């Protein structure tokens, strides 16, 4: 009976230690993110949009969705873009920027460059 209790105690202690480590890491990176965000916010002079700005953007979006003529004009504008090397290069650069932004977010979320970190002993069945 004591061997079972020792195993259970060891498992619980390991779980508590790992969860405490994860919590400490989350708190640390949360504070780092908040400080970086604060520095960027101050340096760039950022501010959330006012209610009037939000309302204006919302109304413009709804108006666009309700007006087929504006949708058709946008479609014609897109199809009238010149299909040349400069346009494709610009599209590729924007695509690479988007992919890089997404990838950095994934790396931050996983806290690992490749795959997800192993938090414990994984058994294959």
PDB file of N, CA and C in Angstrom:
ATOM      1  N   UNK A   1       0.824  -1.194   0.000  1.00  0.00           N
ATOM      2  CA  UNK A   1       0.000   0.000   0.000  1.00  0.00           C
ATOM      3  C   UNK A   1       0.866   1.254   0.000  1.00  0.00           C
ATOM      4  N   UNK A   2       1.985   1.180   0.690  1.00  0.00           N
ATOM      5  CA  UNK A   2       2.842   2.351   0.785  1.00  0.00           C
ATOM      6  C   UNK A   2       3.500   2.672  -0.558  1.00  0.00           C
ATOM      7  N   UNK A   3       3.752   1.657  -1.394  1.00  0.00           N
ATOM      8  CA  UNK A   3       4.333   1.897  -2.720  1.00  0.00           C
ATOM      9  C   UNK A   3       3.355   2.670  -3.596  1.00  0.00           C
ATOM     10  N   UNK A   4       2.082   2.341  -3.494  1.00  0.00           N
ATOM     11  CA  UNK A   4       1.053   3.043  -4.271  1.00  0.00           C
ATOM     12  C   UNK A   4       0.957   4.490  -3.815  1.00  0.00           C
ATOM     13  N   UNK A   5       0.996   4.695  -2.516  1.00  0.00           N
ATOM     14  CA  UNK A   5       0.924   6.057  -1.973  1.00  0.00           C
ATOM     15  C   UNK A   5       2.156   6.852  -2.398  1.00  0.00           C
ATOM     16  N   UNK A   6       3.331   6.219  -2.366  1.00  0.00           N
ATOM     17  CA  UNK A   6       4.553   6.901  -2.797  1.00  0.00           C
ATOM     18  C   UNK A   6       4.477   7.291  -4.272  1.00  0.00           C
ATOM     19  N   UNK A   7       3.960   6.386  -5.119  1.00  0.00           N
ATOM     20  CA  UNK A   7       3.822   6.697  -6.541  1.00  0.00           C
ATOM     21  C   UNK A   7       2.835   7.836  -6.751  1.00  0.00           C
ATOM     22  N   UNK A   8       1.707   7.783  -6.049  1.00  0.00           N
ATOM     23  CA  UNK A   8       0.691   8.831  -6.184  1.00  0.00           C
ATOM     24  C   UNK A   8       1.240  10.169  -5.706  1.00  0.00           C
ATOM     25  N   UNK A   9       1.952  10.146  -4.592  1.00  0.00           N
ATOM     26  CA  UNK A   9       2.537  11.377  -4.066  1.00  0.00           C
ATOM     27  C   UNK A   9       3.570  11.943  -5.042  1.00  0.00           C
ATOM     28  N   UNK A  10       4.391  11.073  -5.591  1.00  0.00           N
ATOM     29  CA  UNK A  10       5.387  11.515  -6.570  1.00  0.00           C
ATOM     30  C   UNK A  10       4.734  12.103  -7.811  1.00  0.00           C
ATOM     31  N   UNK A  11       3.672  11.468  -8.283  1.00  0.00           N
ATOM     32  CA  UNK A  11       2.951  11.967  -9.455  1.00  0.00           C
ATOM     33  C   UNK A  11       2.323  13.328  -9.168  1.00  0.00           C
ATOM     34  N   UNK A  12       1.726  13.456  -8.007  1.00  0.00           N
ATOM     35  CA  UNK A  12       1.095  14.729  -7.626  1.00  0.00           C
ATOM     36  C   UNK A  12       2.157  15.818  -7.482  1.00  0.00           C
ATOM     37  N   UNK A  13       3.267  15.499  -6.834  1.00  0.00           N
ATOM     38  CA  UNK A  13       4.342  16.487  -6.671  1.00  0.00           C
ATOM     39  C   UNK A  13       4.900  16.930  -8.025  1.00  0.00           C
ATOM     40  N   UNK A  14       5.087  15.977  -8.929  1.00  0.00           N
ATOM     41  CA  UNK A  14       5.580  16.313 -10.270  1.00  0.00           C
ATOM     42  C   UNK A  14       4.593  17.208 -10.996  1.00  0.00           C
ATOM     43  N   UNK A  15       3.317  16.864 -10.921  1.00  0.00           N
ATOM     44  CA  UNK A  15       2.280  17.661 -11.587  1.00  0.00           C
ATOM     45  C   UNK A  15       2.219  19.067 -11.013  1.00  0.00           C
ATOM     46  N   UNK A  16       2.286  19.181  -9.708  1.00  0.00           N
ATOM     47  CA  UNK A  16       2.247  20.498  -9.064  1.00  0.00           C
ATOM     48  C   UNK A  16       3.475  21.316  -9.456  1.00  0.00           C
ATOM     49  N   UNK A  17       4.635  20.687  -9.477  1.00  0.00           N
ATOM     50  CA  UNK A  17       5.867  21.405  -9.841  1.00  0.00           C
ATOM     51  C   UNK A  17       5.805  21.896 -11.286  1.00  0.00           C
ATOM     52  N   UNK A  18       5.334  21.045 -12.193  1.00  0.00           N
ATOM     53  CA  UNK A  18       5.242  21.451 -13.598  1.00  0.00           C
ATOM     54  C   UNK A  18       4.198  22.538 -13.798  1.00  0.00           C
ATOM     55  N   UNK A  19       3.068  22.422 -13.101  1.00  0.00           N
ATOM     56  CA  UNK A  19       2.045  23.462 -13.254  1.00  0.00           C
ATOM     57  C   UNK A  19       2.519  24.781 -12.646  1.00  0.00           C
ATOM     58  N   UNK A  20       3.263  24.721 -11.562  1.00  0.00           N
ATOM     59  CA  UNK A  20       3.818  25.949 -10.979  1.00  0.00           C
ATOM     60  C   UNK A  20       4.829  26.576 -11.932  1.00  0.00           C
ATOM     61  N   UNK A  21       5.634  25.734 -12.585  1.00  0.00           N
ATOM     62  CA  UNK A  21       6.600  26.237 -13.555  1.00  0.00           C
ATOM     63  C   UNK A  21       5.878  26.889 -14.734  1.00  0.00           C
ATOM     64  N   UNK A  22       4.820  26.264 -15.227  1.00  0.00           N
ATOM     65  CA  UNK A  22       4.045  26.843 -16.326  1.00  0.00           C
ATOM     66  C   UNK A  22       3.386  28.150 -15.906  1.00  0.00           C
ATOM     67  N   UNK A  23       2.852  28.184 -14.695  1.00  0.00           N
ATOM     68  CA  UNK A  23       2.208  29.407 -14.214  1.00  0.00           C
ATOM     69  C   UNK A  23       3.223  30.536 -14.084  1.00  0.00           C
ATOM     70  N   UNK A  24       4.387  30.232 -13.531  1.00  0.00           N
ATOM     71  CA  UNK A  24       5.431  31.254 -13.401  1.00  0.00           C
ATOM     72  C   UNK A  24       5.875  31.758 -14.767  1.00  0.00           C
ATOM     73  N   UNK A  25       6.019  30.845 -15.700  1.00  0.00           N
ATOM     74  CA  UNK A  25       6.415  31.233 -17.055  1.00  0.00           C
ATOM     75  C   UNK A  25       5.342  32.099 -17.706  1.00  0.00           C
ATOM     76  N   UNK A  26       4.079  31.728 -17.537  1.00  0.00           N
ATOM     77  CA  UNK A  26       2.981  32.514 -18.118  1.00  0.00           C
ATOM     78  C   UNK A  26       2.926  33.908 -17.507  1.00  0.00           C
ATOM     79  N   UNK A  27       3.113  33.995 -16.201  1.00  0.00           N
ATOM     80  CA  UNK A  27       3.105  35.301 -15.534  1.00  0.00           C
ATOM     81  C   UNK A  27       4.272  36.147 -16.035  1.00  0.00           C
ATOM     82  N   UNK A  28       5.450  35.546 -16.131  1.00  0.00           N
ATOM     83  CA  UNK A  28       6.630  36.276 -16.594  1.00  0.00           C
ATOM     84  C   UNK A  28       6.405  36.819 -17.998  1.00  0.00           C
ATOM     85  N   UNK A  29       6.004  35.958 -18.929  1.00  0.00           N
ATOM     86  CA  UNK A  29       5.831  36.402 -20.313  1.00  0.00           C
ATOM     87  C   UNK A  29       4.649  37.347 -20.452  1.00  0.00           C
ATOM     88  N   UNK A  30       3.658  37.211 -19.601  1.00  0.00           N
ATOM     89  CA  UNK A  30       2.566  38.185 -19.599  1.00  0.00           C
ATOM     90  C   UNK A  30       3.055  39.566 -19.198  1.00  0.00           C
ATOM     91  N   UNK A  31       3.906  39.612 -18.173  1.00  0.00           N
ATOM     92  CA  UNK A  31       4.463  40.898 -17.739  1.00  0.00           C
ATOM     93  C   UNK A  31       5.390  41.484 -18.800  1.00  0.00           C
ATOM     94  N   UNK A  32       6.210  40.640 -19.426  1.00  0.00           N
ATOM     95  CA  UNK A  32       7.096  41.117 -20.489  1.00  0.00           C
ATOM     96  C   UNK A  32       6.264  41.672 -21.640  1.00  0.00           C
ATOM     97  N   UNK A  33       5.229  40.943 -22.043  1.00  0.00           N
ATOM     98  CA  UNK A  33       4.357  41.408 -23.122  1.00  0.00           C
ATOM     99  C   UNK A  33       3.674  42.714 -22.785  1.00  0.00           C
ATOM    100  N   UNK A  34       3.237  42.841 -21.535  1.00  0.00           N
ATOM    101  CA  UNK A  34       2.580  44.082 -21.118  1.00  0.00           C
ATOM    102  C   UNK A  34       3.557  45.256 -21.157  1.00  0.00           C
ATOM    103  N   UNK A  35       4.782  45.038 -20.707  1.00  0.00           N
ATOM    104  CA  UNK A  35       5.777  46.117 -20.721  1.00  0.00           C
ATOM    105  C   UNK A  35       6.154  46.514 -22.146  1.00  0.00           C
ATOM    106  N   UNK A  36       6.318  45.525 -23.016  1.00  0.00           N
ATOM    107  CA  UNK A  36       6.624  45.835 -24.418  1.00  0.00           C
ATOM    108  C   UNK A  36       5.453  46.582 -25.047  1.00  0.00           C
ATOM    109  N   UNK A  37       4.247  46.108 -24.780  1.00  0.00           N
ATOM    110  CA  UNK A  37       3.062  46.790 -25.301  1.00  0.00           C
ATOM    111  C   UNK A  37       2.955  48.213 -24.798  1.00  0.00           C
ATOM    112  N   UNK A  38       3.274  48.409 -23.523  1.00  0.00           N
ATOM    113  CA  UNK A  38       3.224  49.753 -22.946  1.00  0.00           C
ATOM    114  C   UNK A  38       4.245  50.672 -23.608  1.00  0.00           C
ATOM    115  N   UNK A  39       5.450  50.140 -23.844  1.00  0.00           N
ATOM    116  CA  UNK A  39       6.496  50.942 -24.486  1.00  0.00           C
ATOM    117  C   UNK A  39       6.096  51.315 -25.913  1.00  0.00           C
ATOM    118  N   UNK A  40       5.537  50.364 -26.648  1.00  0.00           N
ATOM    119  CA  UNK A  40       5.096  50.645 -28.020  1.00  0.00           C
ATOM    120  C   UNK A  40       3.945  51.639 -28.003  1.00  0.00           C
ATOM    121  N   UNK A  41       3.020  51.453 -27.077  1.00  0.00           N
ATOM    122  CA  UNK A  41       1.855  52.337 -26.969  1.00  0.00           C
ATOM    123  C   UNK A  41       2.296  53.785 -26.742  1.00  0.00           C
ATOM    124  N   UNK A  42       3.262  53.964 -25.833  1.00  0.00           N
ATOM    125  CA  UNK A  42       3.750  55.319 -25.540  1.00  0.00           C
ATOM    126  C   UNK A  42       4.567  55.880 -26.699  1.00  0.00           C
ATOM    127  N   UNK A  43       5.456  55.063 -27.271  1.00  0.00           N
ATOM    128  CA  UNK A  43       6.337  55.544 -28.339  1.00  0.00           C
ATOM    129  C   UNK A  43       5.559  55.914 -29.595  1.00  0.00           C
ATOM    130  N   UNK A  44       4.530  55.150 -29.908  1.00  0.00           N
ATOM    131  CA  UNK A  44       3.765  55.390 -31.134  1.00  0.00           C
ATOM    132  C   UNK A  44       2.600  56.349 -30.914  1.00  0.00           C
ATOM    133  N   UNK A  45       2.324  56.681 -29.675  1.00  0.00           N
ATOM    134  CA  UNK A  45       1.196  57.571 -29.393  1.00  0.00           C
ATOM    135  C   UNK A  45      -0.127  56.927 -29.769  1.00  0.00           C
ATOM    136  N   UNK A  46      -0.231  55.640 -29.497  1.00  0.00           N
ATOM    137  CA  UNK A  46      -1.433  54.902 -29.871  1.00  0.00           C
ATOM    138  C   UNK A  46      -2.576  55.187 -28.912  1.00  0.00           C
ATOM    139  N   UNK A  47      -3.772  55.043 -29.422  1.00  0.00           N
ATOM    140  CA  UNK A  47      -4.962  55.189 -28.594  1.00  0.00           C
ATOM    141  C   UNK A  47      -6.072  54.366 -29.231  1.00  0.00           C
ATOM    142  N   UNK A  48      -6.964  53.823 -28.425  1.00  0.00           N
ATOM    143  CA  UNK A  48      -8.078  53.080 -29.014  1.00  0.00           C
ATOM    144  C   UNK A  48      -8.975  54.031 -29.794  1.00  0.00           C
ATOM    145  N   UNK A  49      -9.698  53.514 -30.781  1.00  0.00           N
ATOM    146  CA  UNK A  49     -10.561  54.400 -31.563  1.00  0.00           C
ATOM    147  C   UNK A  49     -11.686  54.961 -30.698  1.00  0.00           C
ATOM    148  N   UNK A  50     -12.079  56.177 -31.028  1.00  0.00           N
ATOM    149  CA  UNK A  50     -13.198  56.774 -30.302  1.00  0.00           C
ATOM    150  C   UNK A  50     -14.488  56.113 -30.775  1.00  0.00           C
ATOM    151  N   UNK A  51     -15.552  56.351 -30.046  1.00  0.00           N
ATOM    152  CA  UNK A  51     -16.842  55.773 -30.416  1.00  0.00           C
ATOM    153  C   UNK A  51     -17.275  56.273 -31.788  1.00  0.00           C
ATOM    154  N   UNK A  52     -17.017  57.542 -32.087  1.00  0.00           N
ATOM    155  CA  UNK A  52     -17.392  58.103 -33.385  1.00  0.00           C
ATOM    156  C   UNK A  52     -16.601  57.430 -34.515  1.00  0.00           C
ATOM    157  N   UNK A  53     -15.304  57.184 -34.296  1.00  0.00           N
ATOM    158  CA  UNK A  53     -14.495  56.517 -35.317  1.00  0.00           C
ATOM    159  C   UNK A  53     -14.971  55.087 -35.540  1.00  0.00           C
ATOM    160  N   UNK A  54     -15.274  54.391 -34.454  1.00  0.00           N
ATOM    161  CA  UNK A  54     -15.759  53.022 -34.570  1.00  0.00           C
ATOM    162  C   UNK A  54     -17.089  52.992 -35.304  1.00  0.00           C
ATOM    163  N   UNK A  55     -17.978  53.904 -34.947  1.00  0.00           N
ATOM    164  CA  UNK A  55     -19.288  53.964 -35.586  1.00  0.00           C
ATOM    165  C   UNK A  55     -19.146  54.263 -37.076  1.00  0.00           C
ATOM    166  N   UNK A  56     -18.245  55.170 -37.433  1.00  0.00           N
ATOM    167  CA  UNK A  56     -18.028  55.522 -38.834  1.00  0.00           C
ATOM    168  C   UNK A  56     -17.516  54.304 -39.620  1.00  0.00           C
ATOM    169  N   UNK A  57     -16.566  53.582 -39.064  1.00  0.00           N
ATOM    170  CA  UNK A  57     -16.024  52.405 -39.746  1.00  0.00           C
ATOM    171  C   UNK A  57     -17.089  51.319 -39.877  1.00  0.00           C
ATOM    172  N   UNK A  58     -17.881  51.125 -38.836  1.00  0.00           N
ATOM    173  CA  UNK A  58     -18.942  50.121 -38.865  1.00  0.00           C
ATOM    174  C   UNK A  58     -19.982  50.463 -39.926  1.00  0.00           C
ATOM    175  N   UNK A  59     -20.392  51.724 -39.963  1.00  0.00           N
ATOM    176  CA  UNK A  59     -21.391  52.148 -40.947  1.00  0.00           C
ATOM    177  C   UNK A  59     -20.858  52.007 -42.368  1.00  0.00           C
ATOM    178  N   UNK A  60     -19.583  52.311 -42.573  1.00  0.00           N
ATOM    179  CA  UNK A  60     -18.992  52.161 -43.907  1.00  0.00           C
ATOM    180  C   UNK A  60     -18.974  50.693 -44.327  1.00  0.00           C
ATOM    181  N   UNK A  61     -18.677  49.798 -43.390  1.00  0.00           N
ATOM    182  CA  UNK A  61     -18.664  48.366 -43.694  1.00  0.00           C
ATOM    183  C   UNK A  61     -20.052  47.863 -44.040  1.00  0.00           C
ATOM    184  N   UNK A  62     -21.037  48.270 -43.255  1.00  0.00           N
ATOM    185  CA  UNK A  62     -22.416  47.848 -43.516  1.00  0.00           C
ATOM    186  C   UNK A  62     -22.894  48.409 -44.848  1.00  0.00           C
ATOM    187  N   UNK A  63     -22.564  49.656 -45.119  1.00  0.00           N
ATOM    188  CA  UNK A  63     -22.963  50.284 -46.382  1.00  0.00           C
ATOM    189  C   UNK A  63     -22.341  49.538 -47.561  1.00  0.00           C
ATOM    190  N   UNK A  64     -21.072  49.154 -47.421  1.00  0.00           N
ATOM    191  CA  UNK A  64     -20.402  48.411 -48.487  1.00  0.00           C
ATOM    192  C   UNK A  64     -21.097  47.078 -48.734  1.00  0.00           C
ATOM    193  N   UNK A  65     -21.470  46.385 -47.658  1.00  0.00           N
ATOM    194  CA  UNK A  65     -22.124  45.087 -47.812  1.00  0.00           C
ATOM    195  C   UNK A  65     -23.519  45.210 -48.417  1.00  0.00           C
ATOM    196  N   UNK A  66     -24.177  46.331 -48.187  1.00  0.00           N
ATOM    197  CA  UNK A  66     -25.541  46.513 -48.679  1.00  0.00           C
ATOM    198  C   UNK A  66     -25.592  47.100 -50.084  1.00  0.00           C
ATOM    199  N   UNK A  67     -24.475  47.563 -50.613  1.00  0.00           N
ATOM    200  CA  UNK A  67     -24.473  48.222 -51.915  1.00  0.00           C
ATOM    201  C   UNK A  67     -23.736  47.360 -52.939  1.00  0.00           C
ATOM    202  N   UNK A  68     -24.485  46.668 -53.810  1.00  0.00           N
ATOM    203  CA  UNK A  68     -23.835  45.827 -54.821  1.00  0.00           C
ATOM    204  C   UNK A  68     -22.965  46.632 -55.787  1.00  0.00           C
ATOM    205  N   UNK A  69     -23.316  47.896 -56.037  1.00  0.00           N
ATOM    206  CA  UNK A  69     -22.526  48.711 -56.960  1.00  0.00           C
ATOM    207  C   UNK A  69     -21.112  48.920 -56.419  1.00  0.00           C
ATOM    208  N   UNK A  70     -20.978  49.140 -55.116  1.00  0.00           N
ATOM    209  CA  UNK A  70     -19.648  49.319 -54.523  1.00  0.00           C
ATOM    210  C   UNK A  70     -18.856  48.008 -54.558  1.00  0.00           C
ATOM    211  N   UNK A  71     -19.543  46.900 -54.348  1.00  0.00           N
ATOM    212  CA  UNK A  71     -18.870  45.608 -54.409  1.00  0.00           C
ATOM    213  C   UNK A  71     -18.353  45.347 -55.824  1.00  0.00           C
ATOM    214  N   UNK A  72     -19.187  45.666 -56.809  1.00  0.00           N
ATOM    215  CA  UNK A  72     -18.786  45.474 -58.205  1.00  0.00           C
ATOM    216  C   UNK A  72     -17.616  46.399 -58.561  1.00  0.00           C
ATOM    217  N   UNK A  73     -17.650  47.640 -58.058  1.00  0.00           N
ATOM    218  CA  UNK A  73     -16.555  48.580 -58.320  1.00  0.00           C
ATOM    219  C   UNK A  73     -15.244  48.060 -57.729  1.00  0.00           C
ATOM    220  N   UNK A  74     -15.295  47.494 -56.529  1.00  0.00           N
ATOM    221  CA  UNK A  74     -14.092  46.928 -55.918  1.00  0.00           C
ATOM    222  C   UNK A  74     -13.586  45.744 -56.736  1.00  0.00           C
ATOM    223  N   UNK A  75     -14.506  44.900 -57.171  1.00  0.00           N
ATOM    224  CA  UNK A  75     -14.119  43.745 -57.980  1.00  0.00           C
ATOM    225  C   UNK A  75     -13.462  44.197 -59.285  1.00  0.00           C
ATOM    226  N   UNK A  76     -14.024  45.222 -59.926  1.00  0.00           N
ATOM    227  CA  UNK A  76     -13.441  45.738 -61.169  1.00  0.00           C
ATOM    228  C   UNK A  76     -12.066  46.361 -60.918  1.00  0.00           C
ATOM    229  N   UNK A  77     -11.927  47.033 -59.783  1.00  0.00           N
ATOM    230  CA  UNK A  77     -10.638  47.640 -59.447  1.00  0.00           C
ATOM    231  C   UNK A  77      -9.572  46.562 -59.263  1.00  0.00           C
ATOM    232  N   UNK A  78      -9.955  45.481 -58.614  1.00  0.00           N
ATOM    233  CA  UNK A  78      -9.004  44.389 -58.385  1.00  0.00           C
ATOM    234  C   UNK A  78      -8.638  43.713 -59.702  1.00  0.00           C
ATOM    235  N   UNK A  79      -9.643  43.458 -60.553  1.00  0.00           N
ATOM    236  CA  UNK A  79      -9.358  42.783 -61.823  1.00  0.00           C
ATOM    237  C   UNK A  79      -8.627  43.685 -62.809  1.00  0.00           C
ATOM    238  N   UNK A  80      -8.683  44.995 -62.602  1.00  0.00           N
ATOM    239  CA  UNK A  80      -7.991  45.902 -63.520  1.00  0.00           C
ATOM    240  C   UNK A  80      -6.532  46.145 -63.129  1.00  0.00           C
ATOM    241  N   UNK A  81      -6.087  45.531 -62.042  1.00  0.00           N
ATOM    242  CA  UNK A  81      -4.683  45.673 -61.655  1.00  0.00           C
ATOM    243  C   UNK A  81      -3.794  45.084 -62.744  1.00  0.00           C
ATOM    244  N   UNK A  82      -2.690  45.722 -63.026  1.00  0.00           N
ATOM    245  CA  UNK A  82      -1.802  45.189 -64.065  1.00  0.00           C
ATOM    246  C   UNK A  82      -1.150  43.887 -63.597  1.00  0.00           C
ATOM    247  N   UNK A  83      -1.187  42.886 -64.449  1.00  0.00           N
ATOM    248  CA  UNK A  83      -0.582  41.598 -64.120  1.00  0.00           C
ATOM    249  C   UNK A  83       0.861  41.594 -64.624  1.00  0.00           C
ATOM    250  N   UNK A  84       1.720  42.219 -63.846  1.00  0.00           N
ATOM    251  CA  UNK A  84       3.128  42.279 -64.228  1.00  0.00           C
ATOM    252  C   UNK A  84       4.002  41.844 -63.058  1.00  0.00           C
ATOM    253  N   UNK A  85       5.283  41.864 -63.284  1.00  0.00           N
ATOM    254  CA  UNK A  85       6.234  41.390 -62.278  1.00  0.00           C
ATOM    255  C   UNK A  85       6.166  42.218 -60.996  1.00  0.00           C
ATOM    256  N   UNK A  86       5.985  43.524 -61.121  1.00  0.00           N
ATOM    257  CA  UNK A  86       5.943  44.394 -59.939  1.00  0.00           C
ATOM    258  C   UNK A  86       4.734  44.072 -59.060  1.00  0.00           C
ATOM    259  N   UNK A  87       3.586  43.819 -59.686  1.00  0.00           N
ATOM    260  CA  UNK A  87       2.378  43.495 -58.918  1.00  0.00           C
ATOM    261  C   UNK A  87       2.548  42.169 -58.191  1.00  0.00           C
ATOM    262  N   UNK A  88       3.086  41.171 -58.895  1.00  0.00           N
ATOM    263  CA  UNK A  88       3.294  39.870 -58.265  1.00  0.00           C
ATOM    264  C   UNK A  88       4.332  39.957 -57.150  1.00  0.00           C
ATOM    265  N   UNK A  89       5.358  40.754 -57.352  1.00  0.00           N
ATOM    266  CA  UNK A  89       6.379  40.928 -56.317  1.00  0.00           C
ATOM    267  C   UNK A  89       5.782  41.577 -55.075  1.00  0.00           C
ATOM    268  N   UNK A  90       4.971  42.599 -55.292  1.00  0.00           N
ATOM    269  CA  UNK A  90       4.329  43.280 -54.163  1.00  0.00           C
ATOM    270  C   UNK A  90       3.403  42.315 -53.413  1.00  0.00           C
ATOM    271  N   UNK A  91       2.627  41.518 -54.161  1.00  0.00           N
ATOM    272  CA  UNK A  91       1.734  40.540 -53.531  1.00  0.00           C
ATOM    273  C   UNK A  91       2.537  39.499 -52.758  1.00  0.00           C
ATOM    274  N   UNK A  92       3.668  39.062 -53.314  1.00  0.00           N
ATOM    275  CA  UNK A  92       4.507  38.076 -52.632  1.00  0.00           C
ATOM    276  C   UNK A  92       5.093  38.648 -51.345  1.00  0.00           C
ATOM    277  N   UNK A  93       5.528  39.896 -51.391  1.00  0.00           N
ATOM    278  CA  UNK A  93       6.091  40.528 -50.189  1.00  0.00           C
ATOM    279  C   UNK A  93       5.027  40.640 -49.101  1.00  0.00           C
ATOM    280  N   UNK A  94       3.808  41.059 -49.473  1.00  0.00           N
ATOM    281  CA  UNK A  94       2.727  41.141 -48.489  1.00  0.00           C
ATOM    282  C   UNK A  94       2.386  39.757 -47.938  1.00  0.00           C
ATOM    283  N   UNK A  95       2.407  38.754 -48.797  1.00  0.00           N
ATOM    284  CA  UNK A  95       2.147  37.393 -48.342  1.00  0.00           C
ATOM    285  C   UNK A  95       3.203  36.903 -47.369  1.00  0.00           C
ATOM    286  N   UNK A  96       4.458  37.206 -47.661  1.00  0.00           N
ATOM    287  CA  UNK A  96       5.548  36.808 -46.767  1.00  0.00           C
ATOM    288  C   UNK A  96       5.431  37.532 -45.427  1.00  0.00           C
ATOM    289  N   UNK A  97       5.063  38.800 -45.458  1.00  0.00           N
ATOM    290  CA  UNK A  97       4.854  39.537 -44.201  1.00  0.00           C
ATOM    291  C   UNK A  97       3.746  38.887 -43.377  1.00  0.00           C
ATOM    292  N   UNK A  98       2.652  38.543 -44.029  1.00  0.00           N
ATOM    293  CA  UNK A  98       1.546  37.889 -43.322  1.00  0.00           C
ATOM    294  C   UNK A  98       1.959  36.553 -42.745  1.00  0.00           C
ATOM    295  N   UNK A  99       2.688  35.756 -43.524  1.00  0.00           N
ATOM    296  CA  UNK A  99       3.160  34.462 -43.046  1.00  0.00           C
ATOM    297  C   UNK A  99       4.119  34.631 -41.868  1.00  0.00           C
ATOM    298  N   UNK A 100       5.010  35.608 -41.943  1.00  0.00           N
ATOM    299  CA  UNK A 100       5.953  35.848 -40.845  1.00  0.00           C
ATOM    300  C   UNK A 100       5.214  36.259 -39.578  1.00  0.00           C
ATOM    301  N   UNK A 101       4.223  37.140 -39.721  1.00  0.00           N
ATOM    302  CA  UNK A 101       3.442  37.575 -38.562  1.00  0.00           C
ATOM    303  C   UNK A 101       2.729  36.386 -37.925  1.00  0.00           C
ATOM    304  N   UNK A 102       2.115  35.539 -38.768  1.00  0.00           N
ATOM    305  CA  UNK A 102       1.428  34.350 -38.270  1.00  0.00           C
ATOM    306  C   UNK A 102       2.418  33.403 -37.590  1.00  0.00           C
ATOM    307  N   UNK A 103       3.578  33.187 -38.209  1.00  0.00           N
ATOM    308  CA  UNK A 103       4.568  32.259 -37.664  1.00  0.00           C
ATOM    309  C   UNK A 103       5.112  32.729 -36.322  1.00  0.00           C
ATOM    310  N   UNK A 104       5.373  34.015 -36.187  1.00  0.00           N
ATOM    311  CA  UNK A 104       5.848  34.550 -34.906  1.00  0.00           C
ATOM    312  C   UNK A 104       4.790  34.330 -33.830  1.00  0.00           C
ATOM    313  N   UNK A 105       3.535  34.546 -34.169  1.00  0.00           N
ATOM    314  CA  UNK A 105       2.452  34.291 -33.218  1.00  0.00           C
ATOM    315  C   UNK A 105       2.400  32.836 -32.796  1.00  0.00           C
ATOM    316  N   UNK A 106       2.600  31.925 -33.745  1.00  0.00           N
ATOM    317  CA  UNK A 106       2.617  30.501 -33.421  1.00  0.00           C
ATOM    318  C   UNK A 106       3.790  30.158 -32.505  1.00  0.00           C
ATOM    319  N   UNK A 107       4.955  30.712 -32.802  1.00  0.00           N
ATOM    320  CA  UNK A 107       6.136  30.436 -31.980  1.00  0.00           C
ATOM    321  C   UNK A 107       5.922  30.955 -30.561  1.00  0.00           C
ATOM    322  N   UNK A 108       5.349  32.138 -30.436  1.00  0.00           N
ATOM    323  CA  UNK A 108       5.074  32.698 -29.109  1.00  0.00           C
ATOM    324  C   UNK A 108       4.060  31.829 -28.381  1.00  0.00           C
ATOM    325  N   UNK A 109       3.018  31.408 -29.087  1.00  0.00           N
ATOM    326  CA  UNK A 109       1.985  30.584 -28.456  1.00  0.00           C
ATOM    327  C   UNK A 109       2.502  29.237 -27.998  1.00  0.00           C
ATOM    328  N   UNK A 110       3.376  28.626 -28.785  1.00  0.00           N
ATOM    329  CA  UNK A 110       3.916  27.308 -28.429  1.00  0.00           C
ATOM    330  C   UNK A 110       5.101  27.397 -27.494  1.00  0.00           C
ATOM    331  N   UNK A 111       5.775  28.559 -27.477  1.00  0.00           N
ATOM    332  CA  UNK A 111       7.023  28.746 -26.746  1.00  0.00           C
ATOM    333  C   UNK A 111       8.079  27.748 -27.209  1.00  0.00           C
ATOM    334  N   UNK A 112       8.053  27.465 -28.502  1.00  0.00           N
ATOM    335  CA  UNK A 112       9.000  26.532 -29.088  1.00  0.00           C
ATOM    336  C   UNK A 112       9.064  26.790 -30.588  1.00  0.00           C
ATOM    337  N   UNK A 113      10.249  26.654 -31.177  1.00  0.00           N
ATOM    338  CA  UNK A 113      10.373  26.858 -32.617  1.00  0.00           C
ATOM    339  C   UNK A 113       9.767  25.706 -33.403  1.00  0.00           C
ATOM    340  N   UNK A 114       9.969  24.483 -32.929  1.00  0.00           N
ATOM    341  CA  UNK A 114       9.511  23.308 -33.657  1.00  0.00           C
ATOM    342  C   UNK A 114       8.595  22.490 -32.766  1.00  0.00           C
ATOM    343  N   UNK A 115       7.364  22.294 -33.175  1.00  0.00           N
ATOM    344  CA  UNK A 115       6.433  21.470 -32.429  1.00  0.00           C
ATOM    345  C   UNK A 115       6.033  22.093 -31.110  1.00  0.00           C
ATOM    346  N   UNK A 116       5.329  21.317 -30.328  1.00  0.00           N
ATOM    347  CA  UNK A 116       4.897  21.768 -29.022  1.00  0.00           C
ATOM    348  C   UNK A 116       5.802  21.161 -27.966  1.00  0.00           C
ATOM    349  N   UNK A 117       6.110  21.912 -26.901  1.00  0.00           N
ATOM    350  CA  UNK A 117       7.012  21.374 -25.883  1.00  0.00           C
ATOM    351  C   UNK A 117       6.369  20.200 -25.153  1.00  0.00           C
ATOM    352  N   UNK A 118       7.171  19.201 -24.841  1.00  0.00           N
ATOM    353  CA  UNK A 118       6.687  18.042 -24.100  1.00  0.00           C
ATOM    354  C   UNK A 118       6.638  18.411 -22.624  1.00  0.00           C
ATOM    355  N   UNK A 119       5.455  18.303 -22.042  1.00  0.00           N
ATOM    356  CA  UNK A 119       5.295  18.690 -20.641  1.00  0.00           C
ATOM    357  C   UNK A 119       5.463  17.507 -19.698  1.00  0.00           C
ATOM    358  N   UNK A 120       5.485  16.327 -20.217  1.00  0.00           N
ATOM    359  CA  UNK A 120       5.634  15.163 -19.359  1.00  0.00           C
ATOM    360  C   UNK A 120       6.021  13.964 -20.202  1.00  0.00           C
ATOM    361  N   UNK A 121       6.044  12.827 -19.589  1.00  0.00           N
ATOM    362  CA  UNK A 121       6.391  11.603 -20.289  1.00  0.00           C
ATOM    363  C   UNK A 121       5.213  11.176 -21.145  1.00  0.00           C
ATOM    364  N   UNK A 122       5.423  11.140 -22.435  1.00  0.00           N
ATOM    365  CA  UNK A 122       4.351  10.747 -23.350  1.00  0.00           C
ATOM    366  C   UNK A 122       4.502   9.268 -23.682  1.00  0.00           C
ATOM    367  N   UNK A 123       3.429   8.551 -23.517  1.00  0.00           N
ATOM    368  CA  UNK A 123       3.443   7.129 -23.839  1.00  0.00           C
ATOM    369  C   UNK A 123       2.714   6.920 -25.149  1.00  0.00           C
ATOM    370  N   UNK A 124       3.294   6.093 -25.993  1.00  0.00           N
ATOM    371  CA  UNK A 124       2.656   5.770 -27.268  1.00  0.00           C
ATOM    372  C   UNK A 124       1.859   4.492 -27.096  1.00  0.00           C
ATOM    373  N   UNK A 125       0.641   4.521 -27.570  1.00  0.00           N
ATOM    374  CA  UNK A 125      -0.218   3.344 -27.427  1.00  0.00           C
ATOM    375  C   UNK A 125      -0.303   2.619 -28.727  1.00  0.00           C
TER     376      UNK A 125
END
